Amino acid sequence: ITDEIARAGGTPLAVAKDGKLLGA
């Protein structure tokens, strides 16, 4: 997902809760 965002010229921010990835 973050590669797709990056290739579109955007900036991905990751969000994690208690050590578990929720998304970008």
PDB file of all heavy atoms in Angstrom:
ATOM      1  N   ILE A   1       0.827  -1.214   0.000  1.00  0.00           N
ATOM      2  CA  ILE A   1       0.000   0.000   0.000  1.00  0.00           C
ATOM      3  C   ILE A   1       0.861   1.263   0.000  1.00  0.00           C
ATOM      4  O   ILE A   1       0.605   2.215  -0.749  1.00  0.00           O
ATOM      5  CB  ILE A   1      -0.946  -0.016   1.231  1.00  0.00           C
ATOM      6  CG1 ILE A   1      -2.019  -1.091   1.049  1.00  0.00           C
ATOM      7  CG2 ILE A   1      -1.596   1.352   1.435  1.00  0.00           C
ATOM      8  CD1 ILE A   1      -2.889  -1.281   2.268  1.00  0.00           C
ATOM      9  N   THR A   2       1.901   1.259   0.828  1.00  0.00           N
ATOM     10  CA  THR A   2       2.748   2.463   0.893  1.00  0.00           C
ATOM     11  C   THR A   2       3.529   2.666  -0.399  1.00  0.00           C
ATOM     12  O   THR A   2       3.785   3.804  -0.794  1.00  0.00           O
ATOM     13  CB  THR A   2       3.713   2.377   2.090  1.00  0.00           C
ATOM     14  OG1 THR A   2       4.483   1.162   1.997  1.00  0.00           O
ATOM     15  CG2 THR A   2       2.949   2.392   3.397  1.00  0.00           C
ATOM     16  N   ASP A   3       3.894   1.581  -1.069  1.00  0.00           N
ATOM     17  CA  ASP A   3       4.548   1.713  -2.375  1.00  0.00           C
ATOM     18  C   ASP A   3       3.595   2.351  -3.388  1.00  0.00           C
ATOM     19  O   ASP A   3       3.999   3.183  -4.199  1.00  0.00           O
ATOM     20  CB  ASP A   3       5.018   0.351  -2.885  1.00  0.00           C
ATOM     21  CG  ASP A   3       6.247  -0.162  -2.130  1.00  0.00           C
ATOM     22  OD1 ASP A   3       6.811   0.617  -1.335  1.00  0.00           O
ATOM     23  OD2 ASP A   3       6.625  -1.334  -2.331  1.00  0.00           O
ATOM     24  N   GLU A   4       2.319   1.955  -3.333  1.00  0.00           N
ATOM     25  CA  GLU A   4       1.327   2.550  -4.232  1.00  0.00           C
ATOM     26  C   GLU A   4       1.177   4.047  -3.957  1.00  0.00           C
ATOM     27  O   GLU A   4       1.112   4.863  -4.890  1.00  0.00           O
ATOM     28  CB  GLU A   4      -0.029   1.852  -4.055  1.00  0.00           C
ATOM     29  CG  GLU A   4      -0.082   0.431  -4.580  1.00  0.00           C
ATOM     30  CD  GLU A   4      -1.411  -0.245  -4.258  1.00  0.00           C
ATOM     31  OE1 GLU A   4      -2.288   0.429  -3.653  1.00  0.00           O
ATOM     32  OE2 GLU A   4      -1.577  -1.432  -4.593  1.00  0.00           O
ATOM     33  N   ILE A   5       1.135   4.411  -2.684  1.00  0.00           N
ATOM     34  CA  ILE A   5       1.020   5.825  -2.312  1.00  0.00           C
ATOM     35  C   ILE A   5       2.253   6.591  -2.781  1.00  0.00           C
ATOM     36  O   ILE A   5       2.152   7.686  -3.343  1.00  0.00           O
ATOM     37  CB  ILE A   5       0.846   5.963  -0.780  1.00  0.00           C
ATOM     38  CG1 ILE A   5      -0.490   5.360  -0.353  1.00  0.00           C
ATOM     39  CG2 ILE A   5       0.932   7.422  -0.354  1.00  0.00           C
ATOM     40  CD1 ILE A   5      -0.679   5.294   1.157  1.00  0.00           C
ATOM     41  N   ALA A   6       3.424   6.002  -2.559  1.00  0.00           N
ATOM     42  CA  ALA A   6       4.668   6.668  -2.937  1.00  0.00           C
ATOM     43  C   ALA A   6       4.764   6.865  -4.449  1.00  0.00           C
ATOM     44  O   ALA A   6       5.181   7.920  -4.931  1.00  0.00           O
ATOM     45  CB  ALA A   6       5.868   5.869  -2.431  1.00  0.00           C
ATOM     46  N   ARG A   7       4.375   5.819  -5.201  1.00  0.00           N
ATOM     47  CA  ARG A   7       4.439   5.943  -6.668  1.00  0.00           C
ATOM     48  C   ARG A   7       3.462   6.992  -7.184  1.00  0.00           C
ATOM     49  O   ARG A   7       3.665   7.561  -8.247  1.00  0.00           O
ATOM     50  CB  ARG A   7       4.150   4.579  -7.306  1.00  0.00           C
ATOM     51  CG  ARG A   7       5.337   3.630  -7.311  1.00  0.00           C
ATOM     52  CD  ARG A   7       5.094   2.434  -8.221  1.00  0.00           C
ATOM     53  NE  ARG A   7       4.046   1.563  -7.691  1.00  0.00           N
ATOM     54  CZ  ARG A   7       4.279   0.538  -6.876  1.00  0.00           C
ATOM     55  NH1 ARG A   7       5.520   0.265  -6.499  1.00  0.00           N
ATOM     56  NH2 ARG A   7       3.278  -0.217  -6.437  1.00  0.00           N
ATOM     57  N   ALA A   8       2.415   7.254  -6.421  1.00  0.00           N
ATOM     58  CA  ALA A   8       1.449   8.291  -6.802  1.00  0.00           C
ATOM     59  C   ALA A   8       1.924   9.681  -6.380  1.00  0.00           C
ATOM     60  O   ALA A   8       1.204  10.663  -6.578  1.00  0.00           O
ATOM     61  CB  ALA A   8       0.092   7.990  -6.171  1.00  0.00           C
ATOM     62  N   GLY A   9       3.131   9.759  -5.806  1.00  0.00           N
ATOM     63  CA  GLY A   9       3.679  11.053  -5.396  1.00  0.00           C
ATOM     64  C   GLY A   9       3.222  11.510  -4.036  1.00  0.00           C
ATOM     65  O   GLY A   9       3.454  12.658  -3.654  1.00  0.00           O
ATOM     66  N   GLY A  10       2.563  10.610  -3.283  1.00  0.00           N
ATOM     67  CA  GLY A  10       2.099  10.955  -1.953  1.00  0.00           C
ATOM     68  C   GLY A  10       3.078  10.512  -0.889  1.00  0.00           C
ATOM     69  O   GLY A  10       4.099   9.882  -1.166  1.00  0.00           O
ATOM     70  N   THR A  11       2.748  10.851   0.341  1.00  0.00           N
ATOM     71  CA  THR A  11       3.567  10.456   1.480  1.00  0.00           C
ATOM     72  C   THR A  11       2.739   9.534   2.377  1.00  0.00           C
ATOM     73  O   THR A  11       1.671   9.937   2.849  1.00  0.00           O
ATOM     74  CB  THR A  11       4.014  11.680   2.286  1.00  0.00           C
ATOM     75  OG1 THR A  11       4.767  12.538   1.439  1.00  0.00           O
ATOM     76  CG2 THR A  11       4.868  11.261   3.479  1.00  0.00           C
ATOM     77  N   PRO A  12       3.189   8.291   2.617  1.00  0.00           N
ATOM     78  CA  PRO A  12       2.439   7.388   3.498  1.00  0.00           C
ATOM     79  C   PRO A  12       2.870   7.543   4.952  1.00  0.00           C
ATOM     80  O   PRO A  12       4.062   7.656   5.250  1.00  0.00           O
ATOM     81  CB  PRO A  12       2.806   6.006   2.963  1.00  0.00           C
ATOM     82  CG  PRO A  12       4.176   6.180   2.379  1.00  0.00           C
ATOM     83  CD  PRO A  12       4.303   7.613   1.940  1.00  0.00           C
ATOM     84  N   LEU A  13       1.912   7.582   5.824  1.00  0.00           N
ATOM     85  CA  LEU A  13       2.180   7.525   7.259  1.00  0.00           C
ATOM     86  C   LEU A  13       1.582   6.231   7.797  1.00  0.00           C
ATOM     87  O   LEU A  13       0.404   5.938   7.536  1.00  0.00           O
ATOM     88  CB  LEU A  13       1.546   8.717   7.987  1.00  0.00           C
ATOM     89  CG  LEU A  13       2.201  10.085   7.850  1.00  0.00           C
ATOM     90  CD1 LEU A  13       1.456  11.097   8.709  1.00  0.00           C
ATOM     91  CD2 LEU A  13       3.665  10.042   8.237  1.00  0.00           C
ATOM     92  N   ALA A  14       2.371   5.464   8.513  1.00  0.00           N
ATOM     93  CA  ALA A  14       1.871   4.215   9.093  1.00  0.00           C
ATOM     94  C   ALA A  14       1.271   4.491  10.469  1.00  0.00           C
ATOM     95  O   ALA A  14       1.721   5.391  11.194  1.00  0.00           O
ATOM     96  CB  ALA A  14       2.992   3.196   9.197  1.00  0.00           C
ATOM     97  N   VAL A  15       0.263   3.716  10.828  1.00  0.00           N
ATOM     98  CA  VAL A  15      -0.375   3.827  12.139  1.00  0.00           C
ATOM     99  C   VAL A  15      -0.346   2.443  12.791  1.00  0.00           C
ATOM    100  O   VAL A  15      -0.721   1.442  12.160  1.00  0.00           O
ATOM    101  CB  VAL A  15      -1.830   4.319  12.024  1.00  0.00           C
ATOM    102  CG1 VAL A  15      -2.474   4.398  13.410  1.00  0.00           C
ATOM    103  CG2 VAL A  15      -1.886   5.681  11.336  1.00  0.00           C
ATOM    104  N   ALA A  16       0.125   2.382  14.032  1.00  0.00           N
ATOM    105  CA  ALA A  16       0.188   1.122  14.770  1.00  0.00           C
ATOM    106  C   ALA A  16      -0.437   1.311  16.139  1.00  0.00           C
ATOM    107  O   ALA A  16      -0.356   2.392  16.737  1.00  0.00           O
ATOM    108  CB  ALA A  16       1.632   0.649  14.901  1.00  0.00           C
ATOM    109  N   LYS A  17      -1.072   0.240  16.626  1.00  0.00           N
ATOM    110  CA  LYS A  17      -1.687   0.267  17.945  1.00  0.00           C
ATOM    111  C   LYS A  17      -1.225  -0.959  18.719  1.00  0.00           C
ATOM    112  O   LYS A  17      -1.424  -2.098  18.273  1.00  0.00           O
ATOM    113  CB  LYS A  17      -3.215   0.271  17.808  1.00  0.00           C
ATOM    114  CG  LYS A  17      -3.967   0.273  19.130  1.00  0.00           C
ATOM    115  CD  LYS A  17      -5.470   0.306  18.880  1.00  0.00           C
ATOM    116  CE  LYS A  17      -6.269   0.247  20.163  1.00  0.00           C
ATOM    117  NZ  LYS A  17      -7.722   0.254  19.906  1.00  0.00           N
ATOM    118  N   ASP A  18      -0.552  -0.702  19.837  1.00  0.00           N
ATOM    119  CA  ASP A  18      -0.025  -1.789  20.678  1.00  0.00           C
ATOM    120  C   ASP A  18       0.829  -2.758  19.874  1.00  0.00           C
ATOM    121  O   ASP A  18       0.723  -3.983  20.005  1.00  0.00           O
ATOM    122  CB  ASP A  18      -1.175  -2.537  21.357  1.00  0.00           C
ATOM    123  CG  ASP A  18      -1.938  -1.663  22.340  1.00  0.00           C
ATOM    124  OD1 ASP A  18      -1.319  -0.712  22.881  1.00  0.00           O
ATOM    125  OD2 ASP A  18      -3.140  -1.904  22.549  1.00  0.00           O
ATOM    126  N   GLY A  19       1.665  -2.213  19.006  1.00  0.00           N
ATOM    127  CA  GLY A  19       2.569  -3.037  18.222  1.00  0.00           C
ATOM    128  C   GLY A  19       1.938  -3.729  17.042  1.00  0.00           C
ATOM    129  O   GLY A  19       2.596  -4.527  16.366  1.00  0.00           O
ATOM    130  N   LYS A  20       0.672  -3.445  16.729  1.00  0.00           N
ATOM    131  CA  LYS A  20      -0.015  -4.073  15.602  1.00  0.00           C
ATOM    132  C   LYS A  20      -0.299  -3.010  14.542  1.00  0.00           C
ATOM    133  O   LYS A  20      -0.818  -1.940  14.847  1.00  0.00           O
ATOM    134  CB  LYS A  20      -1.324  -4.710  16.067  1.00  0.00           C
ATOM    135  CG  LYS A  20      -2.143  -5.320  14.934  1.00  0.00           C
ATOM    136  CD  LYS A  20      -3.494  -5.823  15.444  1.00  0.00           C
ATOM    137  CE  LYS A  20      -4.347  -6.336  14.276  1.00  0.00           C
ATOM    138  NZ  LYS A  20      -5.700  -6.769  14.723  1.00  0.00           N
ATOM    139  N   LEU A  21       0.024  -3.319  13.298  1.00  0.00           N
ATOM    140  CA  LEU A  21      -0.209  -2.382  12.197  1.00  0.00           C
ATOM    141  C   LEU A  21      -1.699  -2.261  11.901  1.00  0.00           C
ATOM    142  O   LEU A  21      -2.403  -3.267  11.755  1.00  0.00           O
ATOM    143  CB  LEU A  21       0.527  -2.839  10.933  1.00  0.00           C
ATOM    144  CG  LEU A  21       2.047  -2.737  10.950  1.00  0.00           C
ATOM    145  CD1 LEU A  21       2.642  -3.377   9.697  1.00  0.00           C
ATOM    146  CD2 LEU A  21       2.498  -1.285  11.051  1.00  0.00           C
ATOM    147  N   LEU A  22      -2.182  -1.019  11.803  1.00  0.00           N
ATOM    148  CA  LEU A  22      -3.585  -0.775  11.451  1.00  0.00           C
ATOM    149  C   LEU A  22      -3.740  -0.356   9.993  1.00  0.00           C
ATOM    150  O   LEU A  22      -4.767  -0.628   9.374  1.00  0.00           O
ATOM    151  CB  LEU A  22      -4.177   0.309  12.353  1.00  0.00           C
ATOM    152  CG  LEU A  22      -4.181   0.029  13.861  1.00  0.00           C
ATOM    153  CD1 LEU A  22      -4.862   1.175  14.592  1.00  0.00           C
ATOM    154  CD2 LEU A  22      -4.865  -1.295  14.170  1.00  0.00           C
ATOM    155  N   GLY A  23      -2.741   0.340   9.460  1.00  0.00           N
ATOM    156  CA  GLY A  23      -2.835   0.783   8.073  1.00  0.00           C
ATOM    157  C   GLY A  23      -1.986   2.009   7.822  1.00  0.00           C
ATOM    158  O   GLY A  23      -1.058   2.317   8.580  1.00  0.00           O
ATOM    159  N   ALA A  24      -2.330   2.706   6.745  1.00  0.00           N
ATOM    160  CA  ALA A  24      -1.546   3.869   6.328  1.00  0.00           C
ATOM    161  C   ALA A  24      -2.469   5.041   6.022  1.00  0.00           C
ATOM    162  O   ALA A  24      -3.640   4.866   5.675  1.00  0.00           O
ATOM    163  CB  ALA A  24      -0.699   3.536   5.101  1.00  0.00           C
TER     164      ALA A  24
END
